[in-house]
Amino acid sequence: MRMFFLGAGMAVSVLVGIVSIAARLQAPQALETTEVHIETTEADIEKEIYNEIEGVMRPGETMYEIFKRHGLNVQELLRIREASAGIYRLRNVSAGQRYRIVADEQNSVRSLLYRINDDLVLKIVRTDDDFTAEKAAVEYEKRVAQIAGAIQDNLISSIGNGKDRLRLALTLSDIFAWDIDFTTDLRNGDIFKIIVEEFYEEGKFKRYGNILAAEFVNNGDTYHGSRFEYGDIKGYYDQEGKSLRRAFLKAPLNYRRISSGFSQGRFHPILKKYRPHHGVDYAAPHGTPVSSVGDGTVLFAGYRGDYGKLIIIRHPNGYETRYGHLSRLDRGMAKGVKIKQGDTIGYVGSTGLTTGPHLHYEMRLNNKFVNPLKTRIPAGRPLPDTARGEFFQVMNTMTTMLASMGPAVTTMAAKDSEGVIDEKM
């Protein structure tokens, strides 16, 4: 990691430079004598030995154990903990995270660096007889990559393997969550295009950043989204500058597969007869979190007949949604509670009249049943006039890049960086 650790050689170089400047300021008339003195100082410094201890935290391991194992001064660890207490508590170290300790010949700690996460490092350095601590951002090389492909079976497997590709697929589904249900709406042959940040460290791919723009062709319909930030405004917007965020999400589950669609005559598996089914059943593992599709107020939270454990939420403009067969309600769910879009309200179960764990989800408008899969939700809020000019510049650049991509662009970080565009904005 480029900025993670400061080697002893670099420390020597910096110190020699300081000595040189000080000497010149004090005795500018004695240049030759000063130069000889610098050479002697450098030689003396190079004789000083520093012990560098570098490793990865083991499961259950503590900094105390590391200090004891390497014979470091445990009393200094107490002072180091005090110095970092208000920034990051060393008792919270995690397995798998990197650390590096520099100590002198007397096993006295000169510096300690601990990688908190992908973005932050804890830096502790000795100053005279004490220690100072700070959090510093990890310096990455940022690139912009293009990824495109066609859907085969599902979004996740189509984008690629590995946890980074999984997160990328979920982020893409989040962007278009108001327009596409990525379980029920996808068709083999649907096209996706993504322009995304990639972060590299010492030439190695580490993770994806923000998706800067995306295009999705679903069943013949094309959806665009460009990321835009302007003051407090942050989000994804279509080509007209309208937010992709709408009043209702397309579906109430993040991990789901649909088991039964909206119909006027579904055969009920327990009652053994046909009756209207004014909702959508999502089969999902017991305990899967259920999210509210929109902002609203809880009208009912409890047990109700065939629904089993049920939550009813009233939304603006006459809409109402119901979530049935829950195994349990989320903590605090009660009549009158205000809910935000995406809030977890309960968990998938099989209470009430049901043969197995699934979520029964229905929507009503002015107390009349509507098909949530076909209901057209009004477009999101447009950007303010003051932001539109800047947005259209960004969006036009992204649209041009998306248009230039073929249906199978694979600038995949996992393979190589060939074809990846370095960001210079």
Protein backbone atom coordinates (compact mmCIF):
# COMPACT_ATOMS: atom_id res chain seq x y z
CA MET A 1 0.00 0.00 0.00
CA ARG A 2 1.60 3.18 -1.15
CA MET A 3 0.75 5.50 1.72
CA PHE A 4 0.27 2.90 4.41
CA PHE A 5 3.72 2.71 5.92
CA LEU A 6 6.78 4.96 6.14
CA GLY A 7 10.01 2.96 5.87
CA ALA A 8 13.12 3.74 7.87
CA GLY A 9 15.00 4.77 4.73
CA MET A 10 12.46 7.46 3.94
CA ALA A 11 12.58 8.71 7.53
CA VAL A 12 16.40 9.03 7.23
CA SER A 13 16.08 10.97 4.00
CA VAL A 14 13.58 13.42 5.48
CA LEU A 15 15.70 13.96 8.60
CA VAL A 16 18.86 14.57 6.57
CA GLY A 17 16.99 17.18 4.54
CA ILE A 18 15.92 18.99 7.70
CA VAL A 19 19.47 18.98 9.08
CA SER A 20 20.74 20.34 5.78
CA ILE A 21 18.30 23.25 5.75
CA ALA A 22 18.99 24.12 9.39
CA ALA A 23 22.73 24.06 8.85
CA ARG A 24 22.53 26.33 5.83
CA LEU A 25 20.37 28.84 7.68
CA GLN A 26 22.76 28.97 10.64
CA ALA A 27 26.03 29.13 8.72
CA PRO A 28 25.51 30.08 5.06
CA GLN A 29 29.12 31.36 4.86
CA ALA A 30 30.57 27.93 5.77
CA LEU A 31 29.14 25.83 2.97
CA GLU A 32 32.01 23.30 2.74
CA THR A 33 32.08 22.66 6.47
CA THR A 34 28.31 22.22 6.51
CA GLU A 35 28.39 19.65 3.73
CA VAL A 36 30.96 17.57 5.62
CA HIS A 37 28.79 17.75 8.73
CA ILE A 38 25.76 16.49 6.77
CA GLU A 39 27.66 13.48 5.49
CA THR A 40 28.70 12.57 9.01
CA THR A 41 25.14 13.00 10.34
CA GLU A 42 23.71 10.80 7.61
CA ALA A 43 26.23 8.06 8.39
CA ASP A 44 25.39 8.25 12.08
CA ILE A 45 21.68 8.08 11.38
CA GLU A 46 22.02 5.08 9.14
CA LYS A 47 23.59 3.19 12.01
CA GLU A 48 20.35 3.53 13.98
CA ILE A 49 18.39 0.27 13.75
CA TYR A 50 14.60 0.12 13.48
CA ASN A 51 12.62 -3.05 13.92
CA GLU A 52 9.59 -3.23 11.60
CA ILE A 53 6.82 -5.61 12.63
CA GLU A 54 4.18 -6.21 10.00
CA GLY A 55 1.32 -8.67 9.98
CA VAL A 56 -2.37 -9.45 9.77
CA MET A 57 -4.61 -9.67 12.82
CA ARG A 58 -5.47 -13.26 13.70
CA PRO A 59 -8.96 -14.28 14.89
CA GLY A 60 -9.32 -13.17 18.51
CA GLU A 61 -5.87 -11.58 18.58
CA THR A 62 -5.26 -8.32 20.46
CA MET A 63 -2.60 -5.62 20.28
CA TYR A 64 -1.48 -6.66 23.77
CA GLU A 65 -0.66 -10.14 22.47
CA ILE A 66 1.28 -8.68 19.54
CA PHE A 67 3.28 -6.44 21.88
CA LYS A 68 4.08 -9.37 24.21
CA ARG A 69 5.04 -11.67 21.34
CA HIS A 70 7.56 -9.19 19.95
CA GLY A 71 8.89 -7.97 23.29
CA LEU A 72 7.55 -4.43 22.90
CA ASN A 73 6.96 -2.08 25.82
CA VAL A 74 3.47 -2.89 27.12
CA GLN A 75 3.39 0.32 29.16
CA GLU A 76 3.64 2.24 25.90
CA LEU A 77 0.63 0.33 24.60
CA LEU A 78 -1.42 1.88 27.40
CA ARG A 79 -0.36 5.37 26.29
CA ILE A 80 -1.01 4.47 22.65
CA ARG A 81 -4.52 3.35 23.56
CA GLU A 82 -5.12 6.61 25.39
CA ALA A 83 -3.89 8.63 22.41
CA SER A 84 -6.21 6.83 19.99
CA ALA A 85 -9.24 6.43 22.28
CA GLY A 86 -11.11 9.40 20.88
CA ILE A 87 -10.40 8.39 17.29
CA TYR A 88 -10.48 4.59 17.19
CA ARG A 89 -10.38 2.12 20.08
CA LEU A 90 -7.66 -0.48 19.61
CA ARG A 91 -9.78 -3.00 21.46
CA ASN A 92 -11.98 -3.06 18.32
CA VAL A 93 -9.30 -4.49 16.03
CA SER A 94 -10.62 -7.11 13.62
CA ALA A 95 -9.23 -10.34 12.22
CA GLY A 96 -7.82 -10.00 8.73
CA GLN A 97 -6.82 -6.34 9.09
CA ARG A 98 -3.19 -5.32 8.51
CA TYR A 99 -0.90 -3.59 10.99
CA ARG A 100 2.66 -2.32 11.06
CA ILE A 101 4.76 -1.28 14.07
CA VAL A 102 8.15 0.44 13.92
CA ALA A 103 10.29 0.16 17.07
CA ASP A 104 13.84 1.22 17.95
CA GLU A 105 16.67 -0.87 19.40
CA GLN A 106 15.20 -0.53 22.89
CA ASN A 107 11.87 -1.95 21.62
CA SER A 108 10.30 1.45 22.11
CA VAL A 109 7.49 2.09 19.63
CA ARG A 110 8.11 4.87 17.11
CA SER A 111 4.91 4.41 15.10
CA LEU A 112 1.91 2.10 14.76
CA LEU A 113 -0.38 1.89 11.79
CA TYR A 114 -3.55 -0.18 11.64
CA ARG A 115 -5.82 -0.63 8.63
CA ILE A 116 -9.32 0.09 9.96
CA ASN A 117 -11.15 -0.74 6.73
CA ASP A 118 -10.86 -0.32 2.96
CA ASP A 119 -10.93 3.46 3.28
CA LEU A 120 -9.25 4.41 6.57
CA VAL A 121 -5.99 3.76 8.40
CA LEU A 122 -5.18 4.60 12.02
CA LYS A 123 -1.79 6.37 12.28
CA ILE A 124 -0.10 6.66 15.67
CA VAL A 125 3.34 8.30 15.93
CA ARG A 126 5.64 9.22 18.79
CA THR A 127 6.13 12.92 19.48
CA ASP A 128 8.82 13.54 22.09
CA ASP A 129 7.66 11.42 25.05
CA ASP A 130 4.03 11.05 24.00
CA PHE A 131 1.91 9.73 21.11
CA THR A 132 -0.52 11.36 18.70
CA ALA A 133 -3.16 9.58 16.64
CA GLU A 134 -5.21 10.35 13.56
CA LYS A 135 -7.37 8.65 10.97
CA ALA A 136 -6.10 9.02 7.44
CA ALA A 137 -7.73 8.17 4.14
CA VAL A 138 -6.19 5.35 2.15
CA GLU A 139 -4.82 6.70 -1.10
CA TYR A 140 -6.14 4.78 -4.08
CA GLU A 141 -5.61 5.15 -7.76
CA LYS A 142 -9.05 5.75 -9.23
CA ARG A 143 -9.96 4.49 -12.68
CA VAL A 144 -13.20 4.33 -14.63
CA ALA A 145 -14.23 0.99 -16.10
CA GLN A 146 -16.87 -0.09 -18.58
CA ILE A 147 -18.80 -3.32 -18.08
CA ALA A 148 -21.58 -4.61 -20.32
CA GLY A 149 -23.31 -7.86 -21.08
CA ALA A 150 -26.55 -9.73 -21.61
CA ILE A 151 -28.75 -11.37 -19.01
CA GLN A 152 -28.57 -15.14 -18.80
CA ASP A 153 -30.84 -16.54 -16.08
CA ASN A 154 -30.24 -13.75 -13.52
CA LEU A 155 -28.41 -10.47 -12.97
CA ILE A 156 -25.78 -11.68 -10.51
CA SER A 157 -24.45 -14.57 -12.56
CA SER A 158 -24.57 -12.42 -15.71
CA ILE A 159 -22.35 -9.69 -14.23
CA GLY A 160 -19.77 -12.15 -12.93
CA ASN A 161 -18.43 -14.13 -10.00
CA GLY A 162 -16.90 -12.94 -6.75
CA LYS A 163 -18.06 -10.70 -3.93
CA ASP A 164 -17.12 -7.50 -5.78
CA ARG A 165 -19.24 -8.45 -8.77
CA LEU A 166 -22.07 -9.43 -6.43
CA ARG A 167 -21.99 -5.99 -4.81
CA LEU A 168 -21.90 -4.39 -8.25
CA ALA A 169 -24.98 -6.34 -9.31
CA LEU A 170 -26.85 -5.35 -6.15
CA THR A 171 -25.89 -1.69 -6.61
CA LEU A 172 -27.16 -1.78 -10.18
CA SER A 173 -30.44 -3.31 -9.01
CA ASP A 174 -30.72 -0.57 -6.37
CA ILE A 175 -30.39 2.15 -9.02
CA PHE A 176 -33.29 0.80 -11.06
CA ALA A 177 -35.28 -0.60 -8.11
CA TRP A 178 -38.14 1.83 -8.83
CA ASP A 179 -38.53 0.63 -12.44
CA ILE A 180 -37.43 -3.00 -12.58
CA ASP A 181 -38.01 -5.98 -10.32
CA PHE A 182 -34.81 -7.89 -11.00
CA THR A 183 -36.48 -11.20 -10.18
CA THR A 184 -39.81 -10.95 -11.94
CA ASP A 185 -39.09 -8.57 -14.83
CA LEU A 186 -35.79 -9.86 -16.25
CA ARG A 187 -35.67 -11.64 -19.60
CA ASN A 188 -32.78 -13.58 -21.10
CA GLY A 189 -31.13 -11.26 -23.59
CA ASP A 190 -31.78 -8.07 -21.63
CA ILE A 191 -28.76 -5.76 -21.96
CA PHE A 192 -26.90 -3.91 -19.20
CA LYS A 193 -24.12 -1.33 -19.49
CA ILE A 194 -22.25 0.10 -16.52
CA ILE A 195 -19.68 2.87 -16.09
CA VAL A 196 -18.13 2.41 -12.67
CA GLU A 197 -15.26 3.64 -10.52
CA GLU A 198 -12.52 1.17 -9.69
CA PHE A 199 -10.00 1.63 -6.89
CA TYR A 200 -6.46 0.27 -7.19
CA GLU A 201 -3.71 -0.02 -4.61
CA GLU A 202 -0.14 -0.61 -5.74
CA GLY A 203 -1.47 -1.59 -9.14
CA LYS A 204 -3.90 -4.18 -7.77
CA PHE A 205 -7.68 -3.92 -8.00
CA LYS A 206 -9.22 -3.49 -4.55
CA ARG A 207 -12.89 -2.66 -5.00
CA TYR A 208 -15.55 -0.87 -6.99
CA GLY A 209 -16.67 2.64 -6.16
CA ASN A 210 -19.74 4.49 -7.36
CA ILE A 211 -21.58 3.52 -10.50
CA LEU A 212 -21.32 6.74 -12.52
CA ALA A 213 -23.92 5.80 -15.12
CA ALA A 214 -25.89 2.76 -16.21
CA GLU A 215 -28.23 1.65 -18.94
CA PHE A 216 -30.58 -1.31 -18.79
CA VAL A 217 -32.69 -2.66 -21.64
CA ASN A 218 -35.48 -4.74 -20.11
CA ASN A 219 -37.99 -6.48 -22.35
CA GLY A 220 -37.51 -3.80 -25.01
CA ASP A 221 -37.71 -0.81 -22.66
CA THR A 222 -34.51 1.21 -22.06
CA TYR A 223 -33.72 2.78 -18.71
CA HIS A 224 -30.91 5.28 -18.07
CA GLY A 225 -29.40 6.54 -14.84
CA SER A 226 -26.55 9.03 -14.32
CA ARG A 227 -25.08 9.78 -10.91
CA PHE A 228 -25.10 13.48 -10.03
CA GLU A 229 -24.07 15.47 -6.97
CA TYR A 230 -24.90 19.14 -6.49
CA GLY A 231 -24.69 20.61 -3.01
CA ASP A 232 -26.98 18.51 -0.83
CA ILE A 233 -28.41 16.78 -3.90
CA LYS A 234 -27.09 13.29 -4.55
CA GLY A 235 -28.63 10.50 -6.59
CA TYR A 236 -29.35 9.01 -10.00
CA TYR A 237 -31.34 10.83 -12.67
CA ASP A 238 -32.82 9.94 -16.03
CA GLN A 239 -32.02 11.74 -19.29
CA GLU A 240 -34.59 14.44 -18.51
CA GLY A 241 -33.05 15.26 -15.15
CA LYS A 242 -35.76 13.51 -13.12
CA SER A 243 -34.82 11.43 -10.10
CA LEU A 244 -35.04 7.66 -10.49
CA ARG A 245 -36.26 7.57 -6.88
CA ARG A 246 -40.04 7.38 -6.82
CA ALA A 247 -42.83 7.03 -4.31
CA PHE A 248 -42.75 3.20 -4.41
CA LEU A 249 -40.10 0.56 -4.90
CA LYS A 250 -40.96 -2.10 -7.46
CA ALA A 251 -40.73 -4.89 -4.84
CA PRO A 252 -40.60 -5.24 -1.02
CA LEU A 253 -37.71 -7.77 -0.85
CA ASN A 254 -34.04 -7.49 -1.73
CA TYR A 255 -33.46 -11.24 -2.06
CA ARG A 256 -36.48 -12.88 -3.48
CA ARG A 257 -38.10 -15.03 -6.10
CA ILE A 258 -41.71 -14.63 -7.04
CA SER A 259 -43.93 -17.67 -6.55
CA SER A 260 -47.39 -16.44 -7.41
CA GLY A 261 -48.51 -13.51 -9.53
CA PHE A 262 -51.54 -11.23 -9.36
CA SER A 263 -54.71 -12.88 -10.65
CA GLN A 264 -58.49 -12.95 -10.32
CA GLY A 265 -58.63 -16.72 -9.92
CA ARG A 266 -55.72 -18.41 -8.20
CA PHE A 267 -56.19 -21.96 -6.89
CA HIS A 268 -55.66 -21.72 -3.15
CA PRO A 269 -53.48 -24.66 -1.97
CA ILE A 270 -55.17 -25.02 1.43
CA LEU A 271 -58.80 -24.14 0.72
CA LYS A 272 -58.64 -26.25 -2.49
CA LYS A 273 -60.71 -23.77 -4.43
CA TYR A 274 -60.25 -20.80 -6.70
CA ARG A 275 -60.61 -17.35 -5.25
CA PRO A 276 -59.25 -13.89 -6.14
CA HIS A 277 -55.67 -13.27 -5.15
CA HIS A 278 -55.24 -9.51 -5.08
CA GLY A 279 -51.56 -9.45 -4.37
CA VAL A 280 -48.16 -10.95 -5.11
CA ASP A 281 -46.56 -13.78 -3.17
CA TYR A 282 -42.78 -13.70 -2.81
CA ALA A 283 -41.26 -17.01 -1.77
CA ALA A 284 -38.21 -16.35 0.38
CA PRO A 285 -36.34 -18.01 3.25
CA HIS A 286 -37.84 -17.70 6.71
CA GLY A 287 -36.54 -14.50 8.35
CA THR A 288 -35.76 -12.59 5.14
CA PRO A 289 -36.15 -8.84 5.88
CA VAL A 290 -39.21 -7.16 4.40
CA SER A 291 -38.99 -3.49 3.41
CA SER A 292 -41.64 -0.85 3.07
CA VAL A 293 -41.97 0.11 -0.59
CA GLY A 294 -42.62 3.74 0.28
CA ASP A 295 -42.89 6.44 2.93
CA GLY A 296 -45.99 6.22 5.07
CA THR A 297 -47.67 5.62 8.43
CA VAL A 298 -48.45 2.25 10.01
CA LEU A 299 -52.23 1.67 10.15
CA PHE A 300 -52.08 -1.84 11.60
CA ALA A 301 -49.37 -4.11 13.02
CA GLY A 302 -50.43 -7.43 14.48
CA TYR A 303 -52.21 -10.70 13.78
CA ARG A 304 -55.22 -10.73 11.42
CA GLY A 305 -56.91 -13.95 10.26
CA ASP A 306 -55.63 -15.52 7.05
CA TYR A 307 -52.94 -12.83 6.74
CA GLY A 308 -51.25 -14.05 9.90
CA LYS A 309 -48.89 -11.39 11.21
CA LEU A 310 -49.64 -8.35 9.10
CA ILE A 311 -48.48 -4.77 8.63
CA ILE A 312 -50.62 -2.21 6.80
CA ILE A 313 -49.04 1.08 5.76
CA ARG A 314 -50.89 4.17 4.52
CA HIS A 315 -49.01 6.21 1.90
CA PRO A 316 -49.68 9.64 0.39
CA ASN A 317 -52.21 10.12 -2.43
CA GLY A 318 -54.57 7.34 -1.34
CA TYR A 319 -52.18 4.37 -1.53
CA GLU A 320 -52.04 1.55 0.99
CA THR A 321 -49.75 -1.51 1.11
CA ARG A 322 -50.08 -4.74 3.07
CA TYR A 323 -47.39 -7.25 4.09
CA GLY A 324 -48.72 -10.60 5.33
CA HIS A 325 -47.64 -14.01 6.69
CA LEU A 326 -44.72 -12.40 8.57
CA SER A 327 -42.81 -14.46 11.09
CA ARG A 328 -42.37 -11.39 13.26
CA LEU A 329 -42.64 -7.62 13.13
CA ASP A 330 -39.64 -5.39 13.39
CA ARG A 331 -39.06 -3.76 16.76
CA GLY A 332 -41.23 -0.71 17.31
CA MET A 333 -43.84 -1.50 14.65
CA ALA A 334 -47.15 -0.14 15.93
CA LYS A 335 -50.07 1.93 14.72
CA GLY A 336 -49.06 5.54 14.04
CA VAL A 337 -45.33 4.88 13.50
CA LYS A 338 -43.80 6.83 10.61
CA ILE A 339 -42.01 4.71 8.01
CA LYS A 340 -39.42 5.62 5.39
CA GLN A 341 -39.04 3.91 2.04
CA GLY A 342 -36.74 0.92 2.40
CA ASP A 343 -37.14 0.62 6.19
CA THR A 344 -37.26 -2.96 7.47
CA ILE A 345 -40.74 -3.55 8.88
CA GLY A 346 -40.84 -7.31 9.40
CA TYR A 347 -39.52 -10.71 8.38
CA VAL A 348 -40.77 -13.41 6.04
CA GLY A 349 -42.66 -16.24 7.72
CA SER A 350 -45.60 -18.61 7.30
CA THR A 351 -48.17 -17.35 9.80
CA GLY A 352 -51.84 -17.41 8.86
CA LEU A 353 -53.21 -19.44 5.94
CA THR A 354 -50.09 -20.57 4.14
CA THR A 355 -48.21 -23.73 3.15
CA GLY A 356 -44.71 -22.34 3.61
CA PRO A 357 -42.63 -19.22 4.20
CA HIS A 358 -43.40 -16.38 1.81
CA LEU A 359 -44.48 -12.75 1.81
CA HIS A 360 -47.97 -11.78 0.69
CA TYR A 361 -47.76 -8.24 -0.66
CA GLU A 362 -50.68 -6.19 -1.91
CA MET A 363 -51.40 -2.60 -2.88
CA ARG A 364 -54.63 -0.63 -2.79
CA LEU A 365 -55.52 2.76 -4.23
CA ASN A 366 -58.48 4.55 -2.62
CA ASN A 367 -59.38 1.20 -1.03
CA LYS A 368 -59.47 -0.64 -4.38
CA PHE A 369 -57.06 -3.46 -5.23
CA VAL A 370 -54.41 -2.66 -7.82
CA ASN A 371 -51.74 -4.89 -9.33
CA PRO A 372 -48.44 -3.70 -7.80
CA LEU A 373 -46.50 -5.21 -10.71
CA LYS A 374 -48.34 -3.10 -13.29
CA THR A 375 -49.08 0.12 -11.38
CA ARG A 376 -47.37 3.11 -13.03
CA ILE A 377 -45.81 5.32 -10.40
CA PRO A 378 -45.32 9.02 -11.31
CA ALA A 379 -41.79 10.10 -12.26
CA GLY A 380 -39.41 11.32 -9.60
CA ARG A 381 -38.67 14.93 -8.73
CA PRO A 382 -36.79 16.97 -11.31
CA LEU A 383 -33.51 18.71 -10.53
CA PRO A 384 -33.73 22.41 -9.65
CA ASP A 385 -33.09 24.80 -12.53
CA THR A 386 -29.77 25.89 -11.02
CA ALA A 387 -28.41 22.35 -11.32
CA ARG A 388 -29.77 21.31 -14.67
CA GLY A 389 -27.04 22.86 -16.85
CA GLU A 390 -24.26 21.11 -14.98
CA PHE A 391 -26.23 17.86 -14.89
CA PHE A 392 -26.79 17.77 -18.64
CA GLN A 393 -23.05 18.20 -19.22
CA VAL A 394 -22.37 15.17 -17.01
CA MET A 395 -25.25 13.17 -18.45
CA ASN A 396 -24.25 13.87 -22.08
CA THR A 397 -20.71 12.65 -21.36
CA MET A 398 -22.03 9.48 -19.73
CA THR A 399 -24.57 8.88 -22.51
CA THR A 400 -21.83 9.16 -25.14
CA MET A 401 -19.69 6.64 -23.27
CA LEU A 402 -22.63 4.24 -22.89
CA ALA A 403 -23.49 4.55 -26.58
CA SER A 404 -19.90 3.68 -27.53
CA MET A 405 -20.02 0.43 -25.58
CA GLY A 406 -20.81 -2.80 -27.34
CA PRO A 407 -23.12 -5.41 -25.81
CA ALA A 408 -20.19 -7.37 -24.40
CA VAL A 409 -17.64 -4.88 -23.08
CA THR A 410 -15.55 -6.58 -20.41
CA THR A 411 -12.97 -4.22 -18.93
CA MET A 412 -12.95 -6.54 -15.93
CA ALA A 413 -10.62 -5.66 -13.08
CA ALA A 414 -10.39 -9.32 -12.10
CA LYS A 415 -8.76 -10.10 -15.47
CA ASP A 416 -6.67 -7.06 -16.31
CA SER A 417 -6.79 -3.30 -16.67
CA GLU A 418 -6.50 -3.20 -20.44
CA GLY A 419 -9.06 -0.84 -21.91
CA VAL A 420 -9.86 0.76 -18.58
CA ILE A 421 -10.15 4.52 -18.80
CA ASP A 422 -8.18 6.51 -16.23
CA GLU A 423 -10.34 9.19 -14.64
CA LYS A 424 -8.92 12.67 -15.14
CA MET A 425 -11.91 14.76 -14.13
